[in-house]
Structure formats: structure tokens, C-alpha cells
Amino acid sequence: MFTTKLLFVCSGNTCRSPMAEYYAKYLFAMLGRPWTAASVGISALRGMPMSEGAKNALVERGYAELTDVVGHMSAPADEDSLTVAERIYGMTPYHAEILKKEFPRHAERVFVMPEPAADPWGGDQKEYLRCLDVIARGVDEIVGKWS
């Protein structure tokens, strides 16, 4: 049985997918849903913190107040993380394609975010905020389908 409602996947698991994870957790708390979210990266190193830009964007938009964004540590996509996820969302078509290729037994649960988000890594805070806004709209759309 699945234990994670949504799994978000990007490259390094330090920007986009953690922003999606923590926004989803915030949204679930606000809606009173007992759902869970997690994130991993297709080329992530284990144990890297979320980027400062991503953390700051979550804080600035008010999405960090109900979650522990400081405690995020990156993790690579692996069989275990995909097995426990009900739905798996690649942040871009590329991420979804890699997941389907490397983990074919999970392919039927792999989707692309409704609006792919460009990687803000190395950009200024406005870029991180724009990225988070795209991600939030996508998560809202995904969650809205279950409401």
C-alpha cells in the first residue's frame, strides 16, 4: 500500500521538487487532508540542504509556517521512494521520461507537472518566487482533481 500521496522529482532535490513538496504539505494542512508529500532527485546527492533561494521563497509566500523547510535533506530517486508513492510528478517532461526509463514498473504512476517549472538554481530571489508560483499552481491543479 502507498504511504506517500505525491512524490515530486527534479534533478538535484534542492530547489523545485522540495518547493513542490513543502507547498503540498502546506496545502494539505490548510485543507485538513491527511495526505503526505515527499521529493527526490534523479541525480541528487543524499543529504544536501534545500537551497537558500527555495527556502526563502517558501518563507516569503507564507508556505513554510506549517512545515519544517529547514530540515529538508536531498535524496536520490530510488525503487523505495517510488514504490511508496501513489502519484509521481516529474517537474519537467525530461524528469518524467528518465523515471519511466529507469523505473519502468512505476511508469503508470509517473506524470509531468501541469506547468513545468524552469530550474531557478543560481538565479535571483525573483526567479525562485516565479518558480514557486508555477509549482504552486500545478500542485493546486493536481490536488483539485481529488477534491
N, C-alpha and C. Protein backbone atom coordinates (compact mmCIF):
# COMPACT_ATOMS: atom_id res chain seq x y z
N MET A 1 0.84 -1.19 0.00
CA MET A 1 0.00 0.00 0.00
C MET A 1 0.88 1.25 0.00
N PHE A 2 0.42 2.29 -0.63
CA PHE A 2 1.17 3.53 -0.71
C PHE A 2 1.13 4.25 0.63
N THR A 3 2.22 4.96 0.94
CA THR A 3 2.24 5.79 2.13
C THR A 3 2.43 7.26 1.79
N THR A 4 2.86 7.56 0.57
CA THR A 4 3.05 8.93 0.12
C THR A 4 2.04 9.23 -0.97
N LYS A 5 1.25 10.26 -0.79
CA LYS A 5 0.24 10.62 -1.78
C LYS A 5 0.91 11.14 -3.05
N LEU A 6 1.84 12.10 -2.88
CA LEU A 6 2.52 12.73 -4.02
C LEU A 6 4.03 12.70 -3.81
N LEU A 7 4.74 12.33 -4.86
CA LEU A 7 6.21 12.38 -4.86
C LEU A 7 6.61 13.30 -6.00
N PHE A 8 7.40 14.32 -5.69
CA PHE A 8 7.86 15.27 -6.69
C PHE A 8 9.33 15.00 -6.99
N VAL A 9 9.68 15.07 -8.28
CA VAL A 9 11.03 14.71 -8.70
C VAL A 9 11.61 15.79 -9.62
N CYS A 10 12.80 16.26 -9.26
CA CYS A 10 13.55 17.17 -10.13
C CYS A 10 14.95 16.59 -10.30
N SER A 11 15.93 17.41 -10.53
CA SER A 11 17.29 16.91 -10.75
C SER A 11 18.03 16.68 -9.43
N GLY A 12 18.30 17.76 -8.69
CA GLY A 12 19.13 17.64 -7.50
C GLY A 12 18.40 17.59 -6.18
N ASN A 13 17.07 17.77 -6.21
CA ASN A 13 16.25 17.75 -5.00
C ASN A 13 16.65 18.82 -3.98
N THR A 14 17.04 19.99 -4.51
CA THR A 14 17.36 21.10 -3.62
C THR A 14 16.56 22.36 -3.94
N CYS A 15 15.85 22.39 -5.06
CA CYS A 15 15.07 23.59 -5.42
C CYS A 15 13.61 23.25 -5.74
N ARG A 16 13.36 22.81 -6.98
CA ARG A 16 11.98 22.66 -7.45
C ARG A 16 11.19 21.59 -6.71
N SER A 17 11.71 20.38 -6.65
CA SER A 17 10.90 19.33 -6.01
C SER A 17 10.69 19.57 -4.51
N PRO A 18 11.68 20.10 -3.77
CA PRO A 18 11.37 20.44 -2.38
C PRO A 18 10.33 21.56 -2.25
N MET A 19 10.38 22.54 -3.15
CA MET A 19 9.36 23.59 -3.09
C MET A 19 7.98 22.98 -3.32
N ALA A 20 7.88 22.04 -4.26
CA ALA A 20 6.60 21.37 -4.51
C ALA A 20 6.18 20.55 -3.29
N GLU A 21 7.12 19.81 -2.72
CA GLU A 21 6.82 19.00 -1.54
C GLU A 21 6.29 19.86 -0.39
N TYR A 22 6.99 20.93 -0.07
CA TYR A 22 6.61 21.73 1.09
C TYR A 22 5.38 22.59 0.82
N TYR A 23 5.18 23.01 -0.42
CA TYR A 23 3.93 23.69 -0.73
C TYR A 23 2.76 22.70 -0.59
N ALA A 24 2.93 21.47 -1.10
CA ALA A 24 1.87 20.46 -1.00
C ALA A 24 1.56 20.17 0.47
N LYS A 25 2.58 20.04 1.30
CA LYS A 25 2.35 19.80 2.73
C LYS A 25 1.58 20.96 3.36
N TYR A 26 1.94 22.17 3.00
CA TYR A 26 1.22 23.35 3.48
C TYR A 26 -0.24 23.29 3.04
N LEU A 27 -0.46 23.00 1.76
CA LEU A 27 -1.81 22.95 1.21
C LEU A 27 -2.63 21.85 1.89
N PHE A 28 -2.04 20.67 2.07
CA PHE A 28 -2.75 19.58 2.73
C PHE A 28 -3.17 19.99 4.14
N ALA A 29 -2.28 20.67 4.86
CA ALA A 29 -2.60 21.13 6.21
C ALA A 29 -3.73 22.15 6.18
N MET A 30 -3.68 23.07 5.25
CA MET A 30 -4.71 24.11 5.14
C MET A 30 -6.06 23.50 4.79
N LEU A 31 -6.07 22.44 3.98
CA LEU A 31 -7.31 21.79 3.56
C LEU A 31 -7.77 20.73 4.55
N GLY A 32 -6.92 20.44 5.54
CA GLY A 32 -7.27 19.41 6.52
C GLY A 32 -7.23 18.00 5.94
N ARG A 33 -6.38 17.79 4.96
CA ARG A 33 -6.26 16.47 4.33
C ARG A 33 -5.12 15.69 4.99
N PRO A 34 -5.30 14.42 5.24
CA PRO A 34 -4.25 13.61 5.87
C PRO A 34 -3.25 13.05 4.85
N TRP A 35 -3.06 13.75 3.77
CA TRP A 35 -2.17 13.29 2.70
C TRP A 35 -0.72 13.66 3.02
N THR A 36 0.20 12.99 2.36
CA THR A 36 1.62 13.27 2.54
C THR A 36 2.26 13.60 1.20
N ALA A 37 3.40 14.24 1.26
CA ALA A 37 4.18 14.57 0.07
C ALA A 37 5.65 14.36 0.40
N ALA A 38 6.42 14.06 -0.63
CA ALA A 38 7.86 13.89 -0.48
C ALA A 38 8.51 14.33 -1.78
N SER A 39 9.83 14.36 -1.80
CA SER A 39 10.55 14.73 -3.02
C SER A 39 11.89 14.03 -3.08
N VAL A 40 12.35 13.82 -4.30
CA VAL A 40 13.65 13.21 -4.58
C VAL A 40 14.20 13.83 -5.86
N GLY A 41 15.42 13.47 -6.20
CA GLY A 41 16.02 13.97 -7.43
C GLY A 41 16.62 12.84 -8.25
N ILE A 42 16.54 12.96 -9.57
CA ILE A 42 17.08 11.90 -10.43
C ILE A 42 18.60 11.84 -10.39
N SER A 43 19.24 12.94 -10.03
CA SER A 43 20.70 12.94 -9.91
C SER A 43 21.13 13.56 -8.58
N ALA A 44 20.29 13.41 -7.58
CA ALA A 44 20.55 14.03 -6.28
C ALA A 44 21.61 13.29 -5.48
N LEU A 45 22.39 14.06 -4.75
CA LEU A 45 23.26 13.51 -3.73
C LEU A 45 22.45 13.44 -2.45
N ARG A 46 22.67 12.46 -1.64
CA ARG A 46 21.93 12.33 -0.39
C ARG A 46 22.46 13.34 0.65
N GLY A 47 21.52 14.01 1.34
CA GLY A 47 21.87 14.84 2.48
C GLY A 47 22.19 16.29 2.21
N MET A 48 21.88 16.81 1.03
CA MET A 48 22.12 18.23 0.75
C MET A 48 20.91 19.04 1.23
N PRO A 49 21.14 20.21 1.82
CA PRO A 49 20.00 21.03 2.26
C PRO A 49 19.29 21.69 1.08
N MET A 50 18.08 22.14 1.34
CA MET A 50 17.36 22.90 0.33
C MET A 50 18.12 24.20 0.07
N SER A 51 18.12 24.66 -1.16
CA SER A 51 18.82 25.90 -1.48
C SER A 51 18.20 27.06 -0.69
N GLU A 52 19.02 28.04 -0.38
CA GLU A 52 18.54 29.21 0.36
C GLU A 52 17.44 29.93 -0.41
N GLY A 53 17.60 30.01 -1.73
CA GLY A 53 16.58 30.67 -2.55
C GLY A 53 15.23 29.98 -2.44
N ALA A 54 15.22 28.65 -2.45
CA ALA A 54 13.97 27.89 -2.33
C ALA A 54 13.37 28.08 -0.95
N LYS A 55 14.19 27.97 0.10
CA LYS A 55 13.69 28.18 1.46
C LYS A 55 13.10 29.58 1.61
N ASN A 56 13.84 30.58 1.13
CA ASN A 56 13.38 31.96 1.26
C ASN A 56 12.08 32.20 0.50
N ALA A 57 11.93 31.57 -0.66
CA ALA A 57 10.68 31.72 -1.43
C ALA A 57 9.51 31.13 -0.66
N LEU A 58 9.68 29.95 -0.08
CA LEU A 58 8.62 29.33 0.71
C LEU A 58 8.25 30.20 1.92
N VAL A 59 9.25 30.76 2.57
CA VAL A 59 9.01 31.63 3.72
C VAL A 59 8.29 32.90 3.27
N GLU A 60 8.78 33.52 2.20
CA GLU A 60 8.20 34.78 1.73
C GLU A 60 6.73 34.64 1.33
N ARG A 61 6.39 33.50 0.75
CA ARG A 61 4.99 33.27 0.33
C ARG A 61 4.13 32.76 1.49
N GLY A 62 4.73 32.49 2.63
CA GLY A 62 3.98 32.04 3.79
C GLY A 62 3.71 30.55 3.83
N TYR A 63 4.38 29.77 2.98
CA TYR A 63 4.13 28.33 2.90
C TYR A 63 5.00 27.52 3.86
N ALA A 64 5.91 28.17 4.55
CA ALA A 64 6.83 27.44 5.42
C ALA A 64 6.34 27.38 6.85
N GLU A 65 5.30 28.13 7.17
CA GLU A 65 4.89 28.24 8.57
C GLU A 65 4.37 26.94 9.17
N LEU A 66 3.87 26.03 8.36
CA LEU A 66 3.32 24.78 8.87
C LEU A 66 4.23 23.58 8.61
N THR A 67 5.42 23.82 8.09
CA THR A 67 6.32 22.73 7.72
C THR A 67 7.74 23.03 8.17
N ASP A 68 8.59 22.02 8.11
CA ASP A 68 9.99 22.17 8.53
C ASP A 68 10.90 22.25 7.31
N VAL A 69 10.89 23.40 6.63
CA VAL A 69 11.71 23.52 5.42
C VAL A 69 13.20 23.46 5.75
N VAL A 70 13.57 23.84 6.95
CA VAL A 70 14.98 23.82 7.34
C VAL A 70 15.49 22.38 7.43
N GLY A 71 14.61 21.45 7.76
CA GLY A 71 15.00 20.06 7.93
C GLY A 71 15.13 19.26 6.65
N HIS A 72 14.81 19.86 5.50
CA HIS A 72 14.88 19.11 4.24
C HIS A 72 16.32 18.69 3.93
N MET A 73 16.48 17.43 3.54
CA MET A 73 17.75 16.91 3.04
C MET A 73 17.47 16.15 1.75
N SER A 74 18.26 16.42 0.74
CA SER A 74 18.04 15.80 -0.57
C SER A 74 18.19 14.29 -0.51
N ALA A 75 17.51 13.64 -1.45
CA ALA A 75 17.57 12.19 -1.57
C ALA A 75 17.45 11.81 -3.04
N PRO A 76 18.16 10.78 -3.46
CA PRO A 76 18.05 10.34 -4.85
C PRO A 76 16.79 9.52 -5.08
N ALA A 77 16.27 9.59 -6.28
CA ALA A 77 15.15 8.74 -6.67
C ALA A 77 15.64 7.29 -6.65
N ASP A 78 14.87 6.42 -6.01
CA ASP A 78 15.23 5.01 -5.99
C ASP A 78 13.96 4.18 -5.93
N GLU A 79 14.13 2.89 -6.00
CA GLU A 79 13.00 1.97 -6.01
C GLU A 79 12.10 2.18 -4.78
N ASP A 80 12.69 2.35 -3.63
CA ASP A 80 11.91 2.51 -2.41
C ASP A 80 11.05 3.77 -2.43
N SER A 81 11.63 4.89 -2.84
CA SER A 81 10.87 6.14 -2.83
C SER A 81 9.72 6.11 -3.83
N LEU A 82 9.92 5.45 -4.96
CA LEU A 82 8.85 5.37 -5.95
C LEU A 82 7.78 4.35 -5.55
N THR A 83 8.17 3.28 -4.91
CA THR A 83 7.22 2.23 -4.52
C THR A 83 6.15 2.75 -3.58
N VAL A 84 6.52 3.64 -2.66
CA VAL A 84 5.57 4.10 -1.66
C VAL A 84 4.73 5.29 -2.12
N ALA A 85 4.94 5.78 -3.35
CA ALA A 85 4.22 6.95 -3.84
C ALA A 85 3.00 6.56 -4.67
N GLU A 86 1.89 7.19 -4.36
CA GLU A 86 0.67 6.95 -5.14
C GLU A 86 0.77 7.60 -6.52
N ARG A 87 1.26 8.82 -6.56
CA ARG A 87 1.47 9.54 -7.82
C ARG A 87 2.83 10.20 -7.78
N ILE A 88 3.52 10.13 -8.91
CA ILE A 88 4.89 10.64 -9.02
C ILE A 88 4.89 11.72 -10.10
N TYR A 89 5.35 12.91 -9.75
CA TYR A 89 5.33 14.03 -10.69
C TYR A 89 6.75 14.51 -10.99
N GLY A 90 7.15 14.35 -12.25
CA GLY A 90 8.39 14.96 -12.71
C GLY A 90 8.17 16.45 -12.88
N MET A 91 9.14 17.24 -12.48
CA MET A 91 8.98 18.68 -12.59
C MET A 91 8.98 19.14 -14.04
N THR A 92 9.56 18.33 -14.93
CA THR A 92 9.57 18.61 -16.37
C THR A 92 9.33 17.29 -17.11
N PRO A 93 9.03 17.35 -18.41
CA PRO A 93 8.90 16.11 -19.18
C PRO A 93 10.18 15.26 -19.13
N TYR A 94 11.33 15.90 -19.09
CA TYR A 94 12.60 15.17 -19.02
C TYR A 94 12.66 14.31 -17.76
N HIS A 95 12.30 14.87 -16.62
CA HIS A 95 12.34 14.10 -15.37
C HIS A 95 11.39 12.90 -15.44
N ALA A 96 10.20 13.12 -15.96
CA ALA A 96 9.24 12.01 -16.08
C ALA A 96 9.76 10.94 -17.03
N GLU A 97 10.37 11.34 -18.12
CA GLU A 97 10.93 10.39 -19.09
C GLU A 97 12.03 9.54 -18.46
N ILE A 98 12.92 10.17 -17.73
CA ILE A 98 14.00 9.43 -17.06
C ILE A 98 13.42 8.44 -16.05
N LEU A 99 12.45 8.88 -15.27
CA LEU A 99 11.83 7.99 -14.28
C LEU A 99 11.20 6.77 -14.94
N LYS A 100 10.48 6.99 -16.03
CA LYS A 100 9.82 5.88 -16.73
C LYS A 100 10.84 4.91 -17.30
N LYS A 101 11.95 5.45 -17.77
CA LYS A 101 13.00 4.62 -18.35
C LYS A 101 13.75 3.83 -17.27
N GLU A 102 14.11 4.49 -16.19
CA GLU A 102 14.91 3.84 -15.14
C GLU A 102 14.09 3.00 -14.18
N PHE A 103 12.80 3.31 -14.06
CA PHE A 103 11.91 2.59 -13.13
C PHE A 103 10.62 2.20 -13.86
N PRO A 104 10.72 1.35 -14.86
CA PRO A 104 9.56 1.06 -15.71
C PRO A 104 8.36 0.47 -14.97
N ARG A 105 8.58 -0.21 -13.88
CA ARG A 105 7.44 -0.81 -13.19
C ARG A 105 6.56 0.24 -12.51
N HIS A 106 7.03 1.48 -12.42
CA HIS A 106 6.25 2.57 -11.83
C HIS A 106 5.72 3.54 -12.88
N ALA A 107 5.95 3.25 -14.15
CA ALA A 107 5.64 4.18 -15.23
C ALA A 107 4.19 4.65 -15.24
N GLU A 108 3.26 3.79 -14.88
CA GLU A 108 1.84 4.16 -14.92
C GLU A 108 1.48 5.20 -13.86
N ARG A 109 2.35 5.42 -12.89
CA ARG A 109 2.11 6.41 -11.84
C ARG A 109 2.98 7.65 -12.00
N VAL A 110 3.71 7.75 -13.12
CA VAL A 110 4.58 8.90 -13.37
C VAL A 110 3.87 9.89 -14.29
N PHE A 111 3.82 11.14 -13.86
CA PHE A 111 3.18 12.21 -14.62
C PHE A 111 4.13 13.40 -14.68
N VAL A 112 3.78 14.38 -15.49
CA VAL A 112 4.53 15.64 -15.56
C VAL A 112 3.69 16.70 -14.88
N MET A 113 4.33 17.59 -14.16
CA MET A 113 3.62 18.71 -13.54
C MET A 113 2.78 19.42 -14.61
N PRO A 114 1.61 19.92 -14.24
CA PRO A 114 0.76 20.59 -15.22
C PRO A 114 1.46 21.72 -15.98
N GLU A 115 2.33 22.44 -15.30
CA GLU A 115 3.09 23.52 -15.92
C GLU A 115 4.55 23.34 -15.49
N PRO A 116 5.39 22.78 -16.38
CA PRO A 116 6.79 22.55 -16.00
C PRO A 116 7.47 23.84 -15.52
N ALA A 117 8.26 23.71 -14.48
CA ALA A 117 8.95 24.86 -13.89
C ALA A 117 10.42 24.86 -14.27
N ALA A 118 10.90 26.00 -14.76
CA ALA A 118 12.32 26.14 -15.10
C ALA A 118 13.15 26.13 -13.82
N ASP A 119 14.33 25.55 -13.90
CA ASP A 119 15.21 25.45 -12.74
C ASP A 119 15.72 26.83 -12.33
N PRO A 120 15.44 27.25 -11.09
CA PRO A 120 15.89 28.57 -10.65
C PRO A 120 17.32 28.58 -10.12
N TRP A 121 17.97 27.42 -10.05
CA TRP A 121 19.31 27.32 -9.45
C TRP A 121 20.23 28.40 -9.99
N GLY A 122 20.83 29.16 -9.09
CA GLY A 122 21.77 30.21 -9.47
C GLY A 122 21.10 31.53 -9.80
N GLY A 123 19.77 31.56 -9.83
CA GLY A 123 19.07 32.79 -10.15
C GLY A 123 18.85 33.65 -8.92
N ASP A 124 18.26 34.81 -9.15
CA ASP A 124 17.97 35.70 -8.02
C ASP A 124 16.66 35.28 -7.35
N GLN A 125 16.31 35.98 -6.27
CA GLN A 125 15.14 35.59 -5.49
C GLN A 125 13.86 35.72 -6.30
N LYS A 126 13.78 36.67 -7.21
CA LYS A 126 12.59 36.80 -8.04
C LYS A 126 12.39 35.55 -8.89
N GLU A 127 13.47 34.96 -9.35
CA GLU A 127 13.38 33.72 -10.13
C GLU A 127 12.82 32.57 -9.29
N TYR A 128 13.30 32.47 -8.05
CA TYR A 128 12.79 31.43 -7.16
C TYR A 128 11.30 31.65 -6.86
N LEU A 129 10.90 32.89 -6.67
CA LEU A 129 9.49 33.18 -6.41
C LEU A 129 8.64 32.85 -7.63
N ARG A 130 9.11 33.19 -8.82
CA ARG A 130 8.36 32.85 -10.05
C ARG A 130 8.23 31.34 -10.18
N CYS A 131 9.32 30.63 -9.92
CA CYS A 131 9.31 29.16 -9.99
C CYS A 131 8.31 28.60 -8.98
N LEU A 132 8.33 29.08 -7.76
CA LEU A 132 7.41 28.61 -6.74
C LEU A 132 5.97 28.88 -7.14
N ASP A 133 5.70 30.01 -7.73
CA ASP A 133 4.33 30.33 -8.16
C ASP A 133 3.85 29.34 -9.22
N VAL A 134 4.72 28.99 -10.16
CA VAL A 134 4.37 27.99 -11.19
C VAL A 134 4.09 26.64 -10.52
N ILE A 135 4.96 26.26 -9.61
CA ILE A 135 4.80 24.99 -8.89
C ILE A 135 3.51 24.97 -8.09
N ALA A 136 3.22 26.05 -7.37
CA ALA A 136 2.01 26.12 -6.55
C ALA A 136 0.76 25.98 -7.42
N ARG A 137 0.73 26.64 -8.57
CA ARG A 137 -0.42 26.49 -9.47
C ARG A 137 -0.59 25.04 -9.89
N GLY A 138 0.52 24.38 -10.20
CA GLY A 138 0.47 22.97 -10.60
C GLY A 138 -0.02 22.07 -9.49
N VAL A 139 0.49 22.27 -8.29
CA VAL A 139 0.05 21.45 -7.16
C VAL A 139 -1.42 21.71 -6.87
N ASP A 140 -1.85 22.97 -6.95
CA ASP A 140 -3.27 23.30 -6.76
C ASP A 140 -4.13 22.52 -7.76
N GLU A 141 -3.69 22.47 -9.00
CA GLU A 141 -4.44 21.75 -10.05
C GLU A 141 -4.49 20.26 -9.75
N ILE A 142 -3.36 19.70 -9.36
CA ILE A 142 -3.30 18.26 -9.05
C ILE A 142 -4.23 17.93 -7.88
N VAL A 143 -4.13 18.69 -6.81
CA VAL A 143 -4.93 18.43 -5.61
C VAL A 143 -6.41 18.70 -5.90
N GLY A 144 -6.69 19.69 -6.72
CA GLY A 144 -8.07 20.00 -7.08
C GLY A 144 -8.78 18.86 -7.77
N LYS A 145 -8.05 18.01 -8.46
CA LYS A 145 -8.65 16.86 -9.14
C LYS A 145 -9.18 15.83 -8.14
N TRP A 146 -8.65 15.82 -6.93
CA TRP A 146 -9.10 14.87 -5.91
C TRP A 146 -10.16 15.46 -4.99
N SER A 147 -10.37 16.75 -5.06
CA SER A 147 -11.29 17.41 -4.11
C SER A 147 -12.74 17.21 -4.49
